[in-house]
N, C-alpha and C. Protein backbone atom coordinates (compact mmCIF):
# COMPACT_ATOMS: atom_id res chain seq x y z
N UNK A 1 22.40 -9.69 -2.01
CA UNK A 1 21.09 -8.65 -2.58
C UNK A 1 19.84 -8.79 -2.18
N UNK A 2 19.47 -9.83 -1.19
CA UNK A 2 18.52 -10.23 -0.24
C UNK A 2 18.71 -9.42 1.10
N UNK A 3 19.35 -9.08 1.61
CA UNK A 3 20.02 -8.21 2.18
C UNK A 3 19.66 -6.75 1.86
N UNK A 4 19.98 -6.23 0.95
CA UNK A 4 20.08 -5.20 0.06
C UNK A 4 18.44 -4.66 0.40
N UNK A 5 18.19 -5.88 -0.60
CA UNK A 5 16.29 -5.78 -0.53
C UNK A 5 15.50 -5.02 0.49
N UNK A 6 15.90 -6.15 1.89
CA UNK A 6 15.34 -6.27 2.82
C UNK A 6 15.77 -4.81 3.46
N UNK A 7 16.51 -3.94 3.36
CA UNK A 7 16.95 -2.65 3.95
C UNK A 7 16.11 -1.69 3.60
N UNK A 8 15.99 -2.22 1.84
CA UNK A 8 14.99 -0.97 1.16
C UNK A 8 14.14 -1.10 1.53
N UNK A 9 13.23 -2.46 1.37
CA UNK A 9 11.99 -2.84 2.10
C UNK A 9 11.73 -1.92 3.31
N UNK A 10 13.01 -2.06 4.35
CA UNK A 10 12.60 -1.74 5.78
C UNK A 10 12.35 -0.20 5.74
N UNK A 11 13.09 0.40 4.80
CA UNK A 11 13.29 2.39 4.48
C UNK A 11 11.83 2.23 4.06
N UNK A 12 11.30 2.10 2.92
CA UNK A 12 10.15 2.14 2.81
C UNK A 12 8.98 2.28 3.78
N UNK A 13 9.02 1.09 4.53
CA UNK A 13 8.33 1.19 5.55
C UNK A 13 8.87 2.29 6.97
N UNK A 14 9.74 2.71 6.99
CA UNK A 14 9.40 3.74 8.02
C UNK A 14 8.96 5.35 6.86
N UNK A 15 9.21 5.22 5.68
CA UNK A 15 9.10 6.31 4.72
C UNK A 15 7.41 6.42 5.53
N UNK A 16 6.79 5.13 4.74
CA UNK A 16 5.24 5.10 4.78
C UNK A 16 5.00 5.18 6.18
N UNK A 17 5.64 4.90 7.44
CA UNK A 17 4.92 5.05 8.54
C UNK A 17 4.87 6.52 9.44
N UNK A 18 5.97 7.16 8.97
CA UNK A 18 6.26 8.59 9.05
C UNK A 18 4.63 9.40 8.29
N UNK A 19 4.59 8.96 6.91
CA UNK A 19 3.69 9.67 6.25
C UNK A 19 2.01 9.27 6.54
N UNK A 20 2.11 8.56 7.32
CA UNK A 20 0.73 7.84 7.87
C UNK A 20 0.59 8.90 9.39
N UNK A 21 1.81 9.03 9.95
CA UNK A 21 1.84 9.80 11.20
C UNK A 21 1.23 10.95 10.83
N UNK A 22 2.38 11.76 9.83
CA UNK A 22 1.95 13.00 9.14
C UNK A 22 0.39 13.52 8.84
N UNK A 23 -0.31 12.20 9.09
CA UNK A 23 -1.83 12.26 8.33
C UNK A 23 -2.70 11.92 9.47
N UNK A 24 -2.29 11.89 10.72
CA UNK A 24 -3.15 11.50 11.68
C UNK A 24 -2.76 10.56 12.68
N UNK A 25 -1.90 9.36 12.11
CA UNK A 25 -2.35 8.04 12.63
C UNK A 25 -3.39 7.04 11.81
N UNK A 26 -3.99 6.72 13.27
CA UNK A 26 -4.96 5.57 12.46
C UNK A 26 -6.27 6.74 12.11
N UNK A 27 -6.42 7.63 12.18
CA UNK A 27 -7.02 8.23 11.05
C UNK A 27 -7.47 8.36 9.79
N UNK A 28 -6.13 7.32 9.05
CA UNK A 28 -6.42 7.47 7.86
C UNK A 28 -7.79 6.55 7.31
N UNK A 29 -8.36 5.48 8.23
CA UNK A 29 -8.86 4.26 7.96
C UNK A 29 -9.90 4.49 7.20
N UNK A 30 -9.62 5.52 6.02
CA UNK A 30 -10.93 5.38 4.42
C UNK A 30 -12.07 6.21 5.26
N UNK A 31 -11.77 6.73 6.37
CA UNK A 31 -13.00 7.74 7.04
C UNK A 31 -13.15 9.30 6.30
N UNK A 32 -12.36 9.22 5.18
CA UNK A 32 -12.17 10.60 5.14
C UNK A 32 -12.06 12.05 6.57
N UNK A 33 -11.68 11.41 7.22
CA UNK A 33 -11.39 12.36 8.67
C UNK A 33 -10.95 13.81 8.47
N UNK A 34 -11.29 14.70 9.73
CA UNK A 34 -11.07 16.23 8.79
C UNK A 34 -9.69 16.14 9.00
N UNK A 35 -8.87 15.63 9.71
CA UNK A 35 -7.37 16.22 9.73
C UNK A 35 -7.05 15.52 8.32
N UNK A 36 -7.26 14.26 8.15
CA UNK A 36 -7.22 14.08 6.37
C UNK A 36 -7.51 15.01 6.04
N UNK A 37 -8.56 15.89 5.56
CA UNK A 37 -9.19 16.71 4.72
C UNK A 37 -8.41 17.65 4.47
N UNK A 38 -7.15 18.40 5.90
CA UNK A 38 -6.52 19.64 6.05
C UNK A 38 -5.28 19.54 5.28
N UNK A 39 -4.55 18.10 5.60
CA UNK A 39 -3.39 17.76 4.67
C UNK A 39 -3.78 17.66 3.17
N UNK A 40 -4.83 17.07 2.80
CA UNK A 40 -5.27 17.15 1.61
C UNK A 40 -4.77 15.48 1.04
N UNK A 41 -4.67 14.67 1.65
CA UNK A 41 -4.29 13.40 1.20
C UNK A 41 -5.38 12.01 2.52
N UNK A 42 -5.69 11.22 1.86
CA UNK A 42 -6.23 9.70 2.76
C UNK A 42 -5.40 8.82 2.26
N UNK A 43 -5.35 8.24 3.24
CA UNK A 43 -4.79 6.54 3.22
C UNK A 43 -6.29 5.77 2.84
N UNK A 44 -6.10 4.78 2.07
CA UNK A 44 -7.08 3.52 1.81
C UNK A 44 -6.09 2.41 2.11
N UNK A 45 -7.12 1.31 2.51
CA UNK A 45 -6.58 0.60 2.34
C UNK A 45 -7.52 -0.65 2.28
N UNK A 46 -6.92 -2.25 2.07
CA UNK A 46 -7.69 -3.48 2.02
C UNK A 46 -6.96 -4.23 2.45
N UNK A 47 -7.61 -5.02 3.66
CA UNK A 47 -6.32 -5.92 3.88
C UNK A 47 -7.18 -7.43 3.34
N UNK A 48 -6.00 -8.06 3.79
CA UNK A 48 -6.28 -9.83 2.92
C UNK A 48 -5.37 -10.90 3.47
N UNK A 49 -5.76 -11.91 3.40
CA UNK A 49 -4.99 -13.22 4.49
C UNK A 49 -4.01 -14.20 3.21
N UNK A 50 -2.86 -13.96 2.90
CA UNK A 50 -2.18 -15.19 2.05
C UNK A 50 -2.15 -16.07 2.76
N UNK A 51 -2.71 -17.54 1.76
CA UNK A 51 -2.57 -18.58 2.40
C UNK A 51 -1.58 -18.98 2.52
N UNK A 52 -1.09 -20.01 3.45
CA UNK A 52 0.28 -21.12 3.78
C UNK A 52 0.54 -21.01 1.94
N UNK A 53 2.07 -20.62 1.93
CA UNK A 53 3.19 -20.73 1.10
C UNK A 53 2.87 -20.58 -0.42
N UNK A 54 1.99 -19.42 -0.47
CA UNK A 54 1.47 -19.19 -1.44
C UNK A 54 2.00 -17.53 -2.22
N UNK A 55 1.23 -16.98 -3.24
CA UNK A 55 1.75 -15.72 -3.59
C UNK A 55 0.38 -15.43 -3.46
N UNK A 56 0.25 -14.05 -3.36
CA UNK A 56 -1.31 -13.26 -3.06
C UNK A 56 -0.99 -11.42 -3.78
N UNK A 57 -2.09 -11.20 -4.04
CA UNK A 57 -2.25 -10.18 -4.38
C UNK A 57 -3.07 -8.98 -4.48
N UNK A 58 -2.86 -8.12 -4.02
CA UNK A 58 -4.05 -6.71 -3.23
C UNK A 58 -3.83 -5.78 -4.13
N UNK A 59 -5.07 -5.51 -4.61
CA UNK A 59 -5.02 -3.71 -4.83
C UNK A 59 -5.94 -3.19 -4.43
N UNK A 60 -5.80 -1.55 -3.89
CA UNK A 60 -6.59 -0.68 -3.77
C UNK A 60 -6.84 0.50 -4.31
N UNK A 61 -7.86 1.22 -4.70
CA UNK A 61 -7.99 2.17 -5.56
C UNK A 61 -8.93 3.24 -4.45
N UNK A 62 -8.54 4.67 -4.93
CA UNK A 62 -8.59 5.85 -4.73
C UNK A 62 -10.56 5.96 -4.79
N UNK A 63 -10.69 6.92 -4.26
CA UNK A 63 -12.62 7.17 -4.83
C UNK A 63 -12.39 7.88 -6.17
N UNK A 64 -13.20 7.92 -6.78
CA UNK A 64 -13.37 8.44 -8.19
C UNK A 64 -13.04 10.26 -7.96
N UNK A 65 -12.22 10.58 -8.96
CA UNK A 65 -11.18 11.57 -8.72
C UNK A 65 -10.37 12.14 -7.86
N UNK A 66 -9.64 11.16 -6.99
CA UNK A 66 -8.66 11.43 -6.84
C UNK A 66 -7.66 10.21 -7.51
N UNK A 67 -6.22 11.00 -6.96
CA UNK A 67 -5.49 10.40 -7.38
C UNK A 67 -4.28 10.04 -7.17
N UNK A 68 -3.51 8.65 -6.86
CA UNK A 68 -2.49 8.29 -6.00
C UNK A 68 -1.55 9.01 -6.04
N UNK A 69 -0.87 9.06 -4.77
CA UNK A 69 0.31 9.82 -4.95
C UNK A 69 1.68 9.07 -4.32
N UNK A 70 0.97 7.50 -3.41
CA UNK A 70 2.21 7.09 -2.94
C UNK A 70 0.87 5.67 -2.76
N UNK A 71 2.02 4.37 -2.39
CA UNK A 71 1.33 3.13 -1.53
C UNK A 71 2.23 2.27 -1.30
N UNK A 72 1.91 1.47 -1.06
CA UNK A 72 2.79 0.21 -0.18
C UNK A 72 1.81 -0.96 -0.12
N UNK A 73 2.32 -2.09 1.12
CA UNK A 73 2.36 -2.94 1.92
C UNK A 73 2.86 -3.42 3.42
N UNK A 74 2.40 -3.56 3.87
CA UNK A 74 2.28 -4.18 5.38
C UNK A 74 1.78 -5.63 5.47
N UNK A 75 3.24 -6.35 5.58
CA UNK A 75 3.05 -7.52 5.65
C UNK A 75 4.09 -8.34 6.87
N UNK A 76 3.55 -9.58 7.15
CA UNK A 76 4.70 -10.35 8.65
C UNK A 76 5.86 -10.23 7.88
N UNK A 77 6.30 -10.78 8.90
CA UNK A 77 7.63 -10.95 8.67
C UNK A 77 8.07 -11.89 7.95
N UNK A 78 7.35 -13.38 8.05
CA UNK A 78 7.54 -14.75 6.82
C UNK A 78 7.21 -14.46 5.43
N UNK A 79 6.96 -13.09 5.27
CA UNK A 79 6.60 -12.98 3.80
C UNK A 79 7.70 -12.27 3.24
N UNK A 80 7.60 -12.13 1.55
CA UNK A 80 8.43 -11.95 0.74
C UNK A 80 7.55 -10.74 -0.20
N UNK A 81 8.52 -9.69 0.11
CA UNK A 81 7.94 -8.33 -1.26
C UNK A 81 8.04 -9.45 -2.56
N UNK A 82 6.74 -9.14 -3.65
CA UNK A 82 7.12 -9.54 -5.07
C UNK A 82 7.21 -8.49 -5.77
N UNK A 83 6.30 -7.18 -5.97
CA UNK A 83 6.25 -6.26 -6.65
C UNK A 83 5.04 -5.48 -5.39
N UNK A 84 5.44 -4.19 -6.03
CA UNK A 84 4.60 -2.64 -5.30
C UNK A 84 4.56 -1.99 -6.35
N UNK A 85 3.22 -1.54 -6.82
CA UNK A 85 3.59 -0.54 -7.77
C UNK A 85 1.66 0.19 -8.25
N UNK A 86 2.01 1.13 -8.42
CA UNK A 86 1.02 2.33 -8.82
C UNK A 86 0.32 1.39 -9.96
N UNK A 87 -1.15 2.12 -10.30
CA UNK A 87 -2.33 1.90 -10.98
C UNK A 87 -3.00 2.44 -11.88
N UNK A 88 -3.39 2.24 -12.83
CA UNK A 88 -4.46 3.33 -13.58
C UNK A 88 -5.32 2.18 -14.04
N UNK A 89 -6.77 2.43 -13.43
CA UNK A 89 -7.56 1.79 -13.43
C UNK A 89 -6.96 0.00 -13.25
N UNK A 90 -7.52 -1.63 -13.96
CA UNK A 90 -7.21 -2.31 -13.57
C UNK A 90 -5.50 -2.97 -14.10
N UNK A 91 -4.71 -1.66 -14.12
CA UNK A 91 -3.33 -2.24 -14.81
C UNK A 91 -2.26 -1.33 -14.62
N UNK A 92 -0.47 -1.57 -14.65
CA UNK A 92 0.22 -0.96 -14.07
C UNK A 92 0.38 0.87 -14.53
N UNK A 93 0.68 1.86 -14.39
CA UNK A 93 0.33 2.79 -14.87
C UNK A 93 1.41 2.62 -15.60
N UNK A 94 1.28 3.64 -16.72
CA UNK A 94 2.56 3.75 -18.00
C UNK A 94 3.09 5.43 -17.88
N UNK A 95 4.32 5.22 -18.25
CA UNK A 95 5.20 6.53 -18.30
C UNK A 95 4.10 7.88 -18.59
N UNK A 96 3.84 9.02 -17.53
CA UNK A 96 2.94 10.50 -17.74
C UNK A 96 1.81 9.74 -17.33
N UNK A 97 1.03 8.62 -16.80
CA UNK A 97 -0.43 8.60 -17.09
C UNK A 97 -0.39 8.80 -15.76
N UNK A 98 -1.96 9.54 -15.00
CA UNK A 98 -1.93 9.69 -13.51
C UNK A 98 -2.46 8.30 -12.94
N UNK A 99 -2.02 7.76 -11.82
CA UNK A 99 -2.41 6.95 -11.05
C UNK A 99 -3.47 6.89 -10.24
N UNK A 100 -4.08 6.24 -10.20
CA UNK A 100 -5.92 5.81 -9.34
C UNK A 100 -5.92 4.82 -8.10
N UNK A 101 -4.49 4.18 -8.22
CA UNK A 101 -4.37 2.77 -6.89
C UNK A 101 -3.47 2.40 -7.17
N UNK A 102 -2.93 1.20 -6.46
CA UNK A 102 -1.96 0.73 -5.90
C UNK A 102 -2.18 -0.83 -5.79
N UNK A 103 -0.80 -1.49 -6.07
CA UNK A 103 -1.00 -3.46 -6.25
C UNK A 103 0.18 -3.74 -5.93
N UNK A 104 -0.13 -4.69 -4.84
CA UNK A 104 1.11 -5.34 -4.45
C UNK A 104 1.26 -7.03 -4.50
N UNK A 105 2.16 -7.49 -4.44
CA UNK A 105 2.40 -9.12 -4.57
C UNK A 105 3.10 -9.60 -3.56
N UNK A 106 2.40 -10.43 -2.50
CA UNK A 106 3.80 -11.40 -1.28
C UNK A 106 3.49 -12.37 -2.06
N UNK A 107 4.75 -13.39 -1.08
CA UNK A 107 4.59 -14.33 -1.26
C UNK A 107 5.16 -15.17 0.63
N UNK A 108 3.87 -15.73 0.70
CA UNK A 108 3.86 -16.01 2.40
C UNK A 108 4.32 -17.58 2.38
N UNK A 109 5.43 -17.33 3.19
CA UNK A 109 6.54 -18.75 3.08
C UNK A 109 6.22 -19.92 4.71
N UNK A 110 5.16 -19.36 5.09
CA UNK A 110 5.06 -20.20 6.59
C UNK A 110 3.75 -21.15 5.95
N UNK A 111 3.82 -22.19 7.25
CA UNK A 111 2.80 -22.66 7.12
C UNK A 111 1.48 -22.45 7.16
N UNK A 112 0.94 -20.70 8.36
CA UNK A 112 -0.37 -20.37 8.47
C UNK A 112 -0.66 -19.44 7.52
N UNK A 113 -1.83 -18.64 7.09
CA UNK A 113 -1.93 -17.48 6.77
C UNK A 113 -1.29 -16.46 7.24
N UNK A 114 -0.93 -15.87 6.17
CA UNK A 114 -0.28 -13.92 6.86
C UNK A 114 -0.77 -13.67 6.19
N UNK A 115 -1.34 -12.73 7.51
CA UNK A 115 -2.20 -11.28 7.13
C UNK A 115 -1.40 -9.94 6.56
N UNK A 116 -1.97 -9.28 5.49
CA UNK A 116 -1.28 -8.81 4.56
C UNK A 116 -2.71 -7.67 4.42
N UNK A 117 -1.53 -6.32 4.25
CA UNK A 117 -2.62 -5.57 3.86
C UNK A 117 -1.85 -4.27 2.78
N UNK A 118 -2.64 -3.42 1.29
CA UNK A 118 -2.44 -2.90 0.75
C UNK A 118 -2.53 -1.32 1.08
N UNK A 119 -2.33 -0.05 1.10
CA UNK A 119 -2.76 1.00 0.98
C UNK A 119 -2.25 1.68 0.41
N UNK A 120 -3.04 3.05 -0.15
CA UNK A 120 -3.03 3.79 -1.78
C UNK A 120 -3.24 5.03 -0.71
N UNK A 121 -1.93 6.55 -0.68
CA UNK A 121 -2.75 7.56 -0.12
C UNK A 121 -2.70 8.34 -1.77
N UNK A 122 -4.19 9.45 -1.47
CA UNK A 122 -4.88 9.72 -2.29
C UNK A 122 -5.04 10.69 -2.15
N UNK A 123 -4.90 11.87 -3.16
CA UNK A 123 -5.18 13.24 -3.07
C UNK A 123 -6.40 13.31 -3.97
N UNK A 124 -6.99 14.72 -3.46
CA UNK A 124 -8.28 15.00 -4.00
C UNK A 124 -7.86 15.58 -5.19
N UNK A 125 -9.03 16.29 -5.89
CA UNK A 125 -8.96 16.98 -7.24
C UNK A 125 -8.05 18.12 -7.30
């Protein structure tokens, strides 16, 4: 089961990487670059450091008027993904609602801090 979970997380990472490449690679850094505006989506990120042997939550929001179309997490190999889901305000999206952010929880399984980032892909109105 753990192996199947890792394959799914790997597949999600590959899909997210392709999406970032399609949006101009590093141009997504929340700057609202011209290229991102052309494709109608912007990636927004937050960065954090998960303390040793602990769980860590990160949330990232779209700007007012934008809606979330996807999201995810990038974390080190010694971390375990616990959850990754769309947000509406500060809670999980309910059926039929429009998301405006993304939340992730990871567990750091090492003796040192693990750098983690959460991202959300936002589309304009």
